[in-house]
């Protein structure tokens, strides 16, 4: 709705790093909507919410001055604004993470009003925050490193993939983050919600893993509903809903006028 751009300038020569949101306006851009300066930042990962009025920034140093972590130090910042070109004000905060260690995953809810972070040495801490960086809910510490909101934002998948054992839990956001199902999806290299938010696809793909390649589809209740094995599976994706009229029983689009 409000076209903006976020820039990151790393720390250099004793000068702090900068995060800045700028309005995309015609002519020379001089006005800053919101800015944050800080030290301990060689690189930065940025992730906008869907509304485009808030951005999460994980600032990372290549080494940890306290010598506690091989991965360097992570800090999470939240920059947000309200109104056209920040006319109703901007906000920049350091998100309060209660535990030291790496940030394993961070993601926005599709509603753009909340985000979740998995962080800290294993077992990790899982916390959900609002747009001001206030804690909404925290879960018990557990070995998880992946978080995926369903397309509607109602369900949240948390899982331990990669070097963890593949345990998956589904939480219901509408019922105080209650866990509604659990299942194990070992050796998962791809995990995606269906466009309707009712099913979850987990897959083992090459070249990440050369053995046991295949697809599993799970219902949100935790029931395994489909399995297919492949000698070699390279990529897998859900078919997205088509917004246009197609010819009878084909994928060929007849007209470019969108249908509801």
C-alpha atoms as a PDB file:
ATOM      1  CA  UNK A   1       0.000   0.000   0.000  1.00  0.00           C
ATOM      2  CA  UNK A   2       2.831   2.401   0.863  1.00  0.00           C
ATOM      3  CA  UNK A   3       5.867   1.790  -1.391  1.00  0.00           C
ATOM      4  CA  UNK A   4       9.010   1.898   0.746  1.00  0.00           C
ATOM      5  CA  UNK A   5      12.521   0.493   0.809  1.00  0.00           C
ATOM      6  CA  UNK A   6      14.691  -0.613   3.745  1.00  0.00           C
ATOM      7  CA  UNK A   7      18.470  -0.184   3.567  1.00  0.00           C
ATOM      8  CA  UNK A   8      21.216  -1.585   5.771  1.00  0.00           C
ATOM      9  CA  UNK A   9      24.648   0.043   6.139  1.00  0.00           C
ATOM     10  CA  UNK A  10      27.210  -2.081   8.008  1.00  0.00           C
ATOM     11  CA  UNK A  11      29.388  -0.869  10.877  1.00  0.00           C
ATOM     12  CA  UNK A  12      32.633   0.654   9.613  1.00  0.00           C
ATOM     13  CA  UNK A  13      35.576   2.572  11.085  1.00  0.00           C
ATOM     14  CA  UNK A  14      34.015   3.015  14.512  1.00  0.00           C
ATOM     15  CA  UNK A  15      30.739   4.299  13.007  1.00  0.00           C
ATOM     16  CA  UNK A  16      27.567   2.349  13.909  1.00  0.00           C
ATOM     17  CA  UNK A  17      25.478   0.337  11.470  1.00  0.00           C
ATOM     18  CA  UNK A  18      22.222   1.849  10.196  1.00  0.00           C
ATOM     19  CA  UNK A  19      18.826   0.469   9.278  1.00  0.00           C
ATOM     20  CA  UNK A  20      16.558   2.956   7.525  1.00  0.00           C
ATOM     21  CA  UNK A  21      13.106   2.824   5.919  1.00  0.00           C
ATOM     22  CA  UNK A  22      12.716   5.346   3.097  1.00  0.00           C
ATOM     23  CA  UNK A  23       9.555   6.391   1.210  1.00  0.00           C
ATOM     24  CA  UNK A  24       9.632   5.740  -2.534  1.00  0.00           C
ATOM     25  CA  UNK A  25       8.714   9.182  -3.860  1.00  0.00           C
ATOM     26  CA  UNK A  26       9.361  10.967  -7.135  1.00  0.00           C
ATOM     27  CA  UNK A  27      12.559  12.957  -7.331  1.00  0.00           C
ATOM     28  CA  UNK A  28      15.287  12.950  -4.708  1.00  0.00           C
ATOM     29  CA  UNK A  29      14.634  10.829  -1.610  1.00  0.00           C
ATOM     30  CA  UNK A  30      15.837  12.732   1.457  1.00  0.00           C
ATOM     31  CA  UNK A  31      13.230  12.064   4.152  1.00  0.00           C
ATOM     32  CA  UNK A  32      13.670   9.032   6.431  1.00  0.00           C
ATOM     33  CA  UNK A  33      10.508   7.356   7.732  1.00  0.00           C
ATOM     34  CA  UNK A  34      12.320   5.581  10.587  1.00  0.00           C
ATOM     35  CA  UNK A  35      15.944   4.763  11.326  1.00  0.00           C
ATOM     36  CA  UNK A  36      17.907   2.697  13.848  1.00  0.00           C
ATOM     37  CA  UNK A  37      21.653   2.818  14.523  1.00  0.00           C
ATOM     38  CA  UNK A  38      23.573   0.154  16.469  1.00  0.00           C
ATOM     39  CA  UNK A  39      26.913  -1.626  16.758  1.00  0.00           C
ATOM     40  CA  UNK A  40      27.727  -5.345  16.265  1.00  0.00           C
ATOM     41  CA  UNK A  41      26.580  -5.725  12.662  1.00  0.00           C
ATOM     42  CA  UNK A  42      28.587  -7.016   9.695  1.00  0.00           C
ATOM     43  CA  UNK A  43      25.596  -8.322   7.757  1.00  0.00           C
ATOM     44  CA  UNK A  44      21.812  -8.248   7.986  1.00  0.00           C
ATOM     45  CA  UNK A  45      18.788 -10.333   6.938  1.00  0.00           C
ATOM     46  CA  UNK A  46      15.605  -8.375   6.235  1.00  0.00           C
ATOM     47  CA  UNK A  47      12.046  -9.705   6.177  1.00  0.00           C
ATOM     48  CA  UNK A  48       8.990  -7.496   5.493  1.00  0.00           C
ATOM     49  CA  UNK A  49       5.485  -8.321   6.672  1.00  0.00           C
ATOM     50  CA  UNK A  50       2.812  -8.746   3.980  1.00  0.00           C
ATOM     51  CA  UNK A  51       1.317  -5.293   4.596  1.00  0.00           C
ATOM     52  CA  UNK A  52       4.714  -3.682   4.067  1.00  0.00           C
ATOM     53  CA  UNK A  53       4.546  -1.481   7.175  1.00  0.00           C
ATOM     54  CA  UNK A  54       7.078  -3.363   9.332  1.00  0.00           C
ATOM     55  CA  UNK A  55      10.390  -5.114   8.705  1.00  0.00           C
ATOM     56  CA  UNK A  56      12.368  -7.563  10.861  1.00  0.00           C
ATOM     57  CA  UNK A  57      16.147  -7.319  10.706  1.00  0.00           C
ATOM     58  CA  UNK A  58      18.578  -9.938  12.034  1.00  0.00           C
ATOM     59  CA  UNK A  59      21.976  -8.235  12.406  1.00  0.00           C
ATOM     60  CA  UNK A  60      24.920 -10.632  12.568  1.00  0.00           C
ATOM     61  CA  UNK A  61      28.596 -10.298  13.459  1.00  0.00           C
ATOM     62  CA  UNK A  62      31.123 -12.743  12.026  1.00  0.00           C
ATOM     63  CA  UNK A  63      32.564 -13.465  15.460  1.00  0.00           C
ATOM     64  CA  UNK A  64      31.256 -13.491  19.018  1.00  0.00           C
ATOM     65  CA  UNK A  65      33.209 -11.137  21.308  1.00  0.00           C
ATOM     66  CA  UNK A  66      32.204 -13.248  24.334  1.00  0.00           C
ATOM     67  CA  UNK A  67      33.624 -16.396  22.623  1.00  0.00           C
ATOM     68  CA  UNK A  68      30.439 -18.351  23.368  1.00  0.00           C
ATOM     69  CA  UNK A  69      29.313 -19.018  19.817  1.00  0.00           C
ATOM     70  CA  UNK A  70      30.923 -20.295  16.642  1.00  0.00           C
ATOM     71  CA  UNK A  71      28.205 -18.501  14.630  1.00  0.00           C
ATOM     72  CA  UNK A  72      28.938 -14.955  15.811  1.00  0.00           C
ATOM     73  CA  UNK A  73      26.344 -12.774  17.505  1.00  0.00           C
ATOM     74  CA  UNK A  74      22.720 -12.228  16.398  1.00  0.00           C
ATOM     75  CA  UNK A  75      20.487  -9.298  17.287  1.00  0.00           C
ATOM     76  CA  UNK A  76      16.889  -8.817  16.133  1.00  0.00           C
ATOM     77  CA  UNK A  77      15.461  -5.371  15.363  1.00  0.00           C
ATOM     78  CA  UNK A  78      11.929  -4.340  14.394  1.00  0.00           C
ATOM     79  CA  UNK A  79      11.235  -1.201  12.345  1.00  0.00           C
ATOM     80  CA  UNK A  80       7.634  -0.186  11.668  1.00  0.00           C
ATOM     81  CA  UNK A  81       5.585   2.846  10.653  1.00  0.00           C
ATOM     82  CA  UNK A  82       1.969   3.981  10.348  1.00  0.00           C
ATOM     83  CA  UNK A  83       0.281   6.114   7.723  1.00  0.00           C
ATOM     84  CA  UNK A  84       1.438   7.215   4.274  1.00  0.00           C
ATOM     85  CA  UNK A  85       5.216   7.835   4.310  1.00  0.00           C
ATOM     86  CA  UNK A  86       5.212   7.416   8.093  1.00  0.00           C
ATOM     87  CA  UNK A  87       2.852  10.368   8.590  1.00  0.00           C
ATOM     88  CA  UNK A  88       1.522   8.797  11.812  1.00  0.00           C
ATOM     89  CA  UNK A  89       4.992   8.069  13.159  1.00  0.00           C
ATOM     90  CA  UNK A  90       7.602   5.323  13.095  1.00  0.00           C
ATOM     91  CA  UNK A  91       8.985   2.934  15.669  1.00  0.00           C
ATOM     92  CA  UNK A  92      12.306   1.087  15.986  1.00  0.00           C
ATOM     93  CA  UNK A  93      13.036  -1.400  18.765  1.00  0.00           C
ATOM     94  CA  UNK A  94      15.480  -4.135  19.623  1.00  0.00           C
ATOM     95  CA  UNK A  95      13.336  -7.249  20.056  1.00  0.00           C
ATOM     96  CA  UNK A  96      13.914  -8.582  23.600  1.00  0.00           C
ATOM     97  CA  UNK A  97      15.178 -12.171  23.237  1.00  0.00           C
ATOM     98  CA  UNK A  98      15.417 -13.769  26.673  1.00  0.00           C
ATOM     99  CA  UNK A  99      18.158 -16.286  25.850  1.00  0.00           C
ATOM    100  CA  UNK A 100      21.645 -16.108  24.346  1.00  0.00           C
ATOM    101  CA  UNK A 101      22.551 -17.972  21.194  1.00  0.00           C
ATOM    102  CA  UNK A 102      21.767 -18.086  17.466  1.00  0.00           C
ATOM    103  CA  UNK A 103      18.442 -17.110  15.871  1.00  0.00           C
ATOM    104  CA  UNK A 104      17.285 -20.295  14.115  1.00  0.00           C
ATOM    105  CA  UNK A 105      14.160 -18.925  12.423  1.00  0.00           C
ATOM    106  CA  UNK A 106      11.962 -15.821  12.391  1.00  0.00           C
ATOM    107  CA  UNK A 107       8.770 -15.318  10.422  1.00  0.00           C
ATOM    108  CA  UNK A 108       5.727 -13.056  10.105  1.00  0.00           C
ATOM    109  CA  UNK A 109       2.129 -14.141  10.506  1.00  0.00           C
ATOM    110  CA  UNK A 110       0.164 -13.580   7.244  1.00  0.00           C
ATOM    111  CA  UNK A 111      -1.980 -11.126   9.254  1.00  0.00           C
ATOM    112  CA  UNK A 112       1.148  -8.877   9.511  1.00  0.00           C
ATOM    113  CA  UNK A 113       0.301  -8.170  13.173  1.00  0.00           C
ATOM    114  CA  UNK A 114       2.541 -10.761  14.850  1.00  0.00           C
ATOM    115  CA  UNK A 115       5.793 -12.627  14.291  1.00  0.00           C
ATOM    116  CA  UNK A 116       7.507 -15.632  15.838  1.00  0.00           C
ATOM    117  CA  UNK A 117      11.176 -16.272  16.655  1.00  0.00           C
ATOM    118  CA  UNK A 118      13.034 -19.515  17.478  1.00  0.00           C
ATOM    119  CA  UNK A 119      16.315 -18.676  19.214  1.00  0.00           C
ATOM    120  CA  UNK A 120      18.976 -19.669  21.729  1.00  0.00           C
ATOM    121  CA  UNK A 121      21.172 -22.697  22.298  1.00  0.00           C
ATOM    122  CA  UNK A 122      19.287 -26.017  22.107  1.00  0.00           C
ATOM    123  CA  UNK A 123      16.733 -26.695  23.416  1.00  0.00           C
ATOM    124  CA  UNK A 124      15.580 -23.441  21.782  1.00  0.00           C
ATOM    125  CA  UNK A 125      13.125 -20.828  23.049  1.00  0.00           C
ATOM    126  CA  UNK A 126      10.042 -20.067  20.910  1.00  0.00           C
ATOM    127  CA  UNK A 127       8.397 -16.669  21.413  1.00  0.00           C
ATOM    128  CA  UNK A 128       5.674 -14.713  19.596  1.00  0.00           C
ATOM    129  CA  UNK A 129       5.666 -10.893  19.524  1.00  0.00           C
ATOM    130  CA  UNK A 130       3.299  -8.108  18.453  1.00  0.00           C
ATOM    131  CA  UNK A 131       4.052  -5.146  16.163  1.00  0.00           C
ATOM    132  CA  UNK A 132       5.603  -3.182  19.042  1.00  0.00           C
ATOM    133  CA  UNK A 133       8.003  -5.971  19.997  1.00  0.00           C
ATOM    134  CA  UNK A 134       6.016  -7.002  23.099  1.00  0.00           C
ATOM    135  CA  UNK A 135       5.863 -10.711  24.008  1.00  0.00           C
ATOM    136  CA  UNK A 136       2.471 -12.248  23.161  1.00  0.00           C
ATOM    137  CA  UNK A 137       3.233 -15.875  24.077  1.00  0.00           C
ATOM    138  CA  UNK A 138       6.175 -18.165  24.859  1.00  0.00           C
ATOM    139  CA  UNK A 139       6.417 -21.953  24.579  1.00  0.00           C
ATOM    140  CA  UNK A 140       8.438 -24.359  26.714  1.00  0.00           C
ATOM    141  CA  UNK A 141      12.040 -24.846  25.537  1.00  0.00           C
ATOM    142  CA  UNK A 142      12.314 -27.599  22.918  1.00  0.00           C
ATOM    143  CA  UNK A 143      14.608 -28.792  20.095  1.00  0.00           C
ATOM    144  CA  UNK A 144      13.022 -26.890  17.179  1.00  0.00           C
ATOM    145  CA  UNK A 145      14.507 -24.707  14.428  1.00  0.00           C
ATOM    146  CA  UNK A 146      11.688 -24.144  11.892  1.00  0.00           C
ATOM    147  CA  UNK A 147       8.455 -22.108  12.058  1.00  0.00           C
ATOM    148  CA  UNK A 148       5.790 -21.819   9.332  1.00  0.00           C
ATOM    149  CA  UNK A 149       2.440 -20.005   9.629  1.00  0.00           C
ATOM    150  CA  UNK A 150      -0.438 -21.460   7.602  1.00  0.00           C
ATOM    151  CA  UNK A 151      -1.699 -19.166   4.794  1.00  0.00           C
ATOM    152  CA  UNK A 152      -4.646 -17.977   6.921  1.00  0.00           C
ATOM    153  CA  UNK A 153      -2.463 -17.431  10.001  1.00  0.00           C
ATOM    154  CA  UNK A 154      -4.604 -19.732  12.146  1.00  0.00           C
ATOM    155  CA  UNK A 155      -2.163 -22.646  12.451  1.00  0.00           C
ATOM    156  CA  UNK A 156       1.555 -22.514  13.206  1.00  0.00           C
ATOM    157  CA  UNK A 157       3.924 -25.366  12.383  1.00  0.00           C
ATOM    158  CA  UNK A 158       7.046 -25.679  14.526  1.00  0.00           C
ATOM    159  CA  UNK A 159       9.580 -28.380  13.725  1.00  0.00           C
ATOM    160  CA  UNK A 160      13.129 -29.597  14.218  1.00  0.00           C
ATOM    161  CA  UNK A 161      14.635 -30.308  10.788  1.00  0.00           C
ATOM    162  CA  UNK A 162      18.214 -30.573   9.485  1.00  0.00           C
ATOM    163  CA  UNK A 163      20.416 -31.952  12.255  1.00  0.00           C
ATOM    164  CA  UNK A 164      17.355 -32.411  14.537  1.00  0.00           C
ATOM    165  CA  UNK A 165      15.082 -35.450  14.541  1.00  0.00           C
ATOM    166  CA  UNK A 166      12.151 -34.162  12.480  1.00  0.00           C
ATOM    167  CA  UNK A 167       9.486 -33.799  15.179  1.00  0.00           C
ATOM    168  CA  UNK A 168       6.602 -31.525  14.072  1.00  0.00           C
ATOM    169  CA  UNK A 169       3.907 -29.811  16.144  1.00  0.00           C
ATOM    170  CA  UNK A 170       0.865 -27.867  14.914  1.00  0.00           C
ATOM    171  CA  UNK A 171      -0.378 -25.035  17.134  1.00  0.00           C
ATOM    172  CA  UNK A 172      -3.809 -23.377  16.972  1.00  0.00           C
ATOM    173  CA  UNK A 173      -3.402 -19.587  17.136  1.00  0.00           C
ATOM    174  CA  UNK A 174      -7.148 -19.179  17.832  1.00  0.00           C
ATOM    175  CA  UNK A 175      -6.941 -21.443  20.903  1.00  0.00           C
ATOM    176  CA  UNK A 176      -4.095 -19.807  22.903  1.00  0.00           C
ATOM    177  CA  UNK A 177      -1.342 -21.517  20.854  1.00  0.00           C
ATOM    178  CA  UNK A 178      -2.591 -24.958  21.964  1.00  0.00           C
ATOM    179  CA  UNK A 179      -0.826 -27.936  20.335  1.00  0.00           C
ATOM    180  CA  UNK A 180      -3.471 -29.807  18.287  1.00  0.00           C
ATOM    181  CA  UNK A 181      -1.283 -32.476  16.662  1.00  0.00           C
ATOM    182  CA  UNK A 182       2.212 -33.975  16.530  1.00  0.00           C
ATOM    183  CA  UNK A 183       3.981 -36.176  13.996  1.00  0.00           C
ATOM    184  CA  UNK A 184       7.509 -37.160  12.973  1.00  0.00           C
ATOM    185  CA  UNK A 185       8.873 -36.279   9.542  1.00  0.00           C
ATOM    186  CA  UNK A 186      12.495 -37.440   9.637  1.00  0.00           C
ATOM    187  CA  UNK A 187      14.995 -36.308   6.983  1.00  0.00           C
ATOM    188  CA  UNK A 188      12.733 -33.497   5.768  1.00  0.00           C
ATOM    189  CA  UNK A 189      14.419 -31.036   3.409  1.00  0.00           C
ATOM    190  CA  UNK A 190      11.229 -29.299   2.145  1.00  0.00           C
ATOM    191  CA  UNK A 191       8.163 -28.404   4.228  1.00  0.00           C
ATOM    192  CA  UNK A 192       5.235 -26.362   2.851  1.00  0.00           C
ATOM    193  CA  UNK A 193       1.627 -25.596   3.794  1.00  0.00           C
ATOM    194  CA  UNK A 194      -1.033 -26.206   1.146  1.00  0.00           C
ATOM    195  CA  UNK A 195      -2.552 -22.970  -0.252  1.00  0.00           C
ATOM    196  CA  UNK A 196      -5.789 -23.708   1.646  1.00  0.00           C
ATOM    197  CA  UNK A 197      -3.959 -24.248   4.945  1.00  0.00           C
ATOM    198  CA  UNK A 198      -5.417 -27.723   5.546  1.00  0.00           C
ATOM    199  CA  UNK A 199      -2.469 -29.934   4.573  1.00  0.00           C
ATOM    200  CA  UNK A 200       1.314 -29.968   5.058  1.00  0.00           C
ATOM    201  CA  UNK A 201       3.764 -31.407   2.545  1.00  0.00           C
ATOM    202  CA  UNK A 202       7.112 -32.748   3.761  1.00  0.00           C
ATOM    203  CA  UNK A 203       9.661 -34.049   1.275  1.00  0.00           C
ATOM    204  CA  UNK A 204      13.151 -35.503   1.157  1.00  0.00           C
ATOM    205  CA  UNK A 205      14.999 -34.193  -1.899  1.00  0.00           C
ATOM    206  CA  UNK A 206      18.339 -34.535  -3.707  1.00  0.00           C
ATOM    207  CA  UNK A 207      21.087 -33.381  -3.607  1.00  0.00           C
ATOM    208  CA  UNK A 208      20.506 -32.651   0.106  1.00  0.00           C
ATOM    209  CA  UNK A 209      19.830 -36.353   0.696  1.00  0.00           C
ATOM    210  CA  UNK A 210      20.421 -39.002  -1.958  1.00  0.00           C
ATOM    211  CA  UNK A 211      18.409 -41.731  -0.219  1.00  0.00           C
ATOM    212  CA  UNK A 212      14.732 -42.124   0.781  1.00  0.00           C
ATOM    213  CA  UNK A 213      13.595 -39.398  -1.634  1.00  0.00           C
ATOM    214  CA  UNK A 214       9.844 -38.904  -1.542  1.00  0.00           C
ATOM    215  CA  UNK A 215       6.773 -36.852  -0.611  1.00  0.00           C
ATOM    216  CA  UNK A 216       4.449 -37.136   2.375  1.00  0.00           C
ATOM    217  CA  UNK A 217       1.205 -35.179   2.762  1.00  0.00           C
ATOM    218  CA  UNK A 218      -0.176 -34.705   6.275  1.00  0.00           C
ATOM    219  CA  UNK A 219      -3.559 -33.382   7.382  1.00  0.00           C
ATOM    220  CA  UNK A 220      -3.464 -30.608   9.985  1.00  0.00           C
ATOM    221  CA  UNK A 221      -4.834 -33.175  12.490  1.00  0.00           C
ATOM    222  CA  UNK A 222      -1.527 -35.068  12.147  1.00  0.00           C
ATOM    223  CA  UNK A 223      -2.877 -37.881   9.955  1.00  0.00           C
ATOM    224  CA  UNK A 224      -0.620 -39.067   7.102  1.00  0.00           C
ATOM    225  CA  UNK A 225      -2.841 -39.028   3.991  1.00  0.00           C
ATOM    226  CA  UNK A 226      -0.454 -39.545   1.034  1.00  0.00           C
ATOM    227  CA  UNK A 227       3.011 -41.052   0.425  1.00  0.00           C
ATOM    228  CA  UNK A 228       4.979 -41.309  -2.816  1.00  0.00           C
ATOM    229  CA  UNK A 229       8.599 -42.434  -3.164  1.00  0.00           C
ATOM    230  CA  UNK A 230      11.031 -41.425  -5.907  1.00  0.00           C
ATOM    231  CA  UNK A 231      14.426 -42.691  -6.967  1.00  0.00           C
ATOM    232  CA  UNK A 232      15.515 -39.049  -7.198  1.00  0.00           C
ATOM    233  CA  UNK A 233      13.358 -36.057  -6.243  1.00  0.00           C
ATOM    234  CA  UNK A 234      14.827 -32.629  -6.979  1.00  0.00           C
ATOM    235  CA  UNK A 235      12.023 -30.154  -6.318  1.00  0.00           C
ATOM    236  CA  UNK A 236       8.434 -30.194  -5.130  1.00  0.00           C
ATOM    237  CA  UNK A 237       5.768 -27.504  -4.805  1.00  0.00           C
ATOM    238  CA  UNK A 238       2.036 -27.109  -4.262  1.00  0.00           C
ATOM    239  CA  UNK A 239      -0.065 -26.132  -7.257  1.00  0.00           C
ATOM    240  CA  UNK A 240      -1.348 -22.655  -6.480  1.00  0.00           C
ATOM    241  CA  UNK A 241      -5.016 -21.811  -7.141  1.00  0.00           C
ATOM    242  CA  UNK A 242      -5.536 -20.445 -10.663  1.00  0.00           C
ATOM    243  CA  UNK A 243      -7.301 -17.054 -10.727  1.00  0.00           C
ATOM    244  CA  UNK A 244      -8.303 -17.333 -14.405  1.00  0.00           C
ATOM    245  CA  UNK A 245     -10.751 -19.369 -16.503  1.00  0.00           C
ATOM    246  CA  UNK A 246      -9.111 -22.448 -18.024  1.00  0.00           C
ATOM    247  CA  UNK A 247     -10.162 -24.611 -20.951  1.00  0.00           C
ATOM    248  CA  UNK A 248     -12.152 -27.705 -19.953  1.00  0.00           C
ATOM    249  CA  UNK A 249     -10.011 -30.118 -17.852  1.00  0.00           C
ATOM    250  CA  UNK A 250      -6.734 -28.457 -18.844  1.00  0.00           C
ATOM    251  CA  UNK A 251      -4.362 -25.927 -17.347  1.00  0.00           C
ATOM    252  CA  UNK A 252      -4.597 -23.698 -20.449  1.00  0.00           C
ATOM    253  CA  UNK A 253      -5.896 -20.230 -19.579  1.00  0.00           C
ATOM    254  CA  UNK A 254      -8.790 -19.020 -21.739  1.00  0.00           C
ATOM    255  CA  UNK A 255      -8.980 -15.405 -20.645  1.00  0.00           C
ATOM    256  CA  UNK A 256      -6.967 -13.111 -18.440  1.00  0.00           C
ATOM    257  CA  UNK A 257      -9.940 -11.696 -16.549  1.00  0.00           C
ATOM    258  CA  UNK A 258      -9.635 -12.930 -12.942  1.00  0.00           C
ATOM    259  CA  UNK A 259     -12.485 -15.038 -11.560  1.00  0.00           C
ATOM    260  CA  UNK A 260     -13.398 -14.995  -7.877  1.00  0.00           C
END
